[in-house]
Amino acid sequence: MDDWEMWEMHDEVRLSPRERLTLLRIEADLRQDRRFARRMGAARRGRRLPVAVLLLGAASVFVAVMGIRSSDPSLLWCFAVLWPLTLFQAFRLLCRATCGRRRAVTRITRRP
């Protein structure tokens, strides 16, 4: 949805085209300020955590399979270190996903 389309949806507020343009510029500037976005809770979710969970999961499975096939204690110890880290990161990813949904639901239900 375009910013202009969003403004057309809100019929309660009538702004002149000049005021709309000024407001859109201010909003664009605020979106670029990362510290402000973090404070407001609207920061973009990075893709690092899902990629990290995927890579850690793949590495854990690989080390586990190789450790079982070769019976090498060092590979089994590597799995013992990687697996809890993988579970912790997966838990963080799950919490992030559910927290975003919870915020969206509370925003929807609070509207009159």
Protein backbone atom coordinates (compact mmCIF):
# COMPACT_ATOMS: atom_id res chain seq x y z
CA MET A 1 0.00 0.00 0.00
CA ASP A 2 1.32 3.37 -1.02
CA ASP A 3 1.53 6.27 1.44
CA TRP A 4 -0.84 8.28 -0.72
CA GLU A 5 -3.39 5.45 -0.70
CA MET A 6 -3.14 5.31 3.07
CA TRP A 7 -4.01 9.00 3.28
CA GLU A 8 -6.99 8.52 0.98
CA MET A 9 -8.36 5.85 3.31
CA HIS A 10 -8.56 8.24 6.28
CA ASP A 11 -11.48 10.49 5.42
CA GLU A 12 -11.78 11.96 8.91
CA VAL A 13 -8.69 14.12 8.46
CA ARG A 14 -8.47 16.54 5.57
CA LEU A 15 -5.01 17.82 4.79
CA SER A 16 -3.89 19.94 1.92
CA PRO A 17 -1.50 18.36 -0.59
CA ARG A 18 1.30 20.50 0.77
CA GLU A 19 0.61 19.32 4.34
CA ARG A 20 0.46 15.71 3.18
CA LEU A 21 3.80 16.01 1.42
CA THR A 22 5.40 17.61 4.46
CA LEU A 23 4.03 14.91 6.74
CA LEU A 24 5.25 12.16 4.40
CA ARG A 25 8.74 13.68 4.42
CA ILE A 26 8.76 13.80 8.20
CA GLU A 27 7.62 10.17 8.41
CA ALA A 28 10.29 9.12 5.92
CA ASP A 29 12.97 10.85 7.99
CA LEU A 30 11.72 9.17 11.15
CA ARG A 31 11.75 5.74 9.49
CA GLN A 32 15.42 6.21 8.63
CA ASP A 33 16.35 6.96 12.25
CA ARG A 34 17.17 3.51 13.64
CA ARG A 35 17.45 4.58 17.27
CA PHE A 36 14.01 6.22 17.13
CA ALA A 37 12.53 3.16 15.42
CA ARG A 38 13.97 0.89 18.13
CA ARG A 39 12.50 3.10 20.84
CA MET A 40 9.11 3.04 19.18
CA GLY A 41 9.24 -0.74 18.72
CA ALA A 42 8.83 -0.50 14.97
CA ALA A 43 12.35 -1.48 14.00
CA ARG A 44 12.60 -3.82 11.09
CA ARG A 45 13.20 -7.37 12.06
CA GLY A 46 16.59 -8.47 10.86
CA ARG A 47 17.14 -11.63 8.92
CA ARG A 48 20.24 -12.57 10.84
CA LEU A 49 18.47 -14.61 13.50
CA PRO A 50 16.56 -16.92 11.12
CA VAL A 51 19.71 -17.47 9.07
CA ALA A 52 21.71 -18.16 12.23
CA VAL A 53 19.13 -20.70 13.41
CA LEU A 54 19.16 -22.39 10.02
CA LEU A 55 22.96 -22.57 9.87
CA LEU A 56 23.31 -23.73 13.47
CA GLY A 57 20.67 -26.40 12.88
CA ALA A 58 22.41 -27.65 9.76
CA ALA A 59 25.79 -27.65 11.51
CA SER A 60 24.34 -29.49 14.52
CA VAL A 61 22.79 -32.19 12.36
CA PHE A 62 25.98 -32.57 10.32
CA VAL A 63 28.20 -32.85 13.41
CA ALA A 64 25.78 -35.28 15.07
CA VAL A 65 25.64 -37.56 12.03
CA MET A 66 29.40 -37.48 11.53
CA GLY A 67 29.99 -38.05 15.24
CA ILE A 68 27.68 -41.06 15.30
CA ARG A 69 29.16 -42.53 12.12
CA SER A 70 32.79 -42.12 13.19
CA SER A 71 32.36 -42.43 16.99
CA ASP A 72 34.81 -39.55 17.36
CA PRO A 73 34.44 -37.97 20.82
CA SER A 74 35.48 -34.53 19.59
CA LEU A 75 32.60 -34.43 17.10
CA LEU A 76 30.16 -35.54 19.78
CA TRP A 77 31.44 -32.78 22.07
CA CYS A 78 31.01 -30.27 19.25
CA PHE A 79 27.41 -31.42 18.94
CA ALA A 80 26.99 -31.10 22.71
CA VAL A 81 28.09 -27.46 22.43
CA LEU A 82 26.18 -26.60 19.26
CA TRP A 83 22.82 -28.14 20.09
CA PRO A 84 21.94 -26.02 23.18
CA LEU A 85 23.03 -22.90 21.31
CA THR A 86 20.79 -23.89 18.40
CA LEU A 87 17.84 -24.48 20.72
CA PHE A 88 18.39 -21.14 22.46
CA GLN A 89 18.46 -19.24 19.15
CA ALA A 90 15.38 -21.13 17.91
CA PHE A 91 13.58 -20.17 21.13
CA ARG A 92 14.51 -16.51 20.59
CA LEU A 93 13.17 -16.73 17.04
CA LEU A 94 9.93 -18.26 18.27
CA CYS A 95 9.54 -15.58 20.94
CA ARG A 96 10.14 -12.86 18.37
CA ALA A 97 7.49 -14.32 16.07
CA THR A 98 4.87 -14.65 18.80
CA CYS A 99 5.64 -11.23 20.30
CA GLY A 100 5.01 -9.53 16.95
CA ARG A 101 1.66 -11.27 16.60
CA ARG A 102 0.64 -10.36 20.15
CA ARG A 103 1.37 -6.67 19.52
CA ALA A 104 -0.62 -6.74 16.29
CA VAL A 105 -3.60 -8.35 18.01
CA THR A 106 -3.61 -5.78 20.83
CA ARG A 107 -3.45 -2.94 18.31
CA ILE A 108 -6.42 -4.34 16.41
CA THR A 109 -8.54 -4.95 19.49
CA ARG A 110 -7.88 -1.50 21.01
CA ARG A 111 -9.27 0.39 18.03
CA PRO A 112 -12.82 1.75 18.53
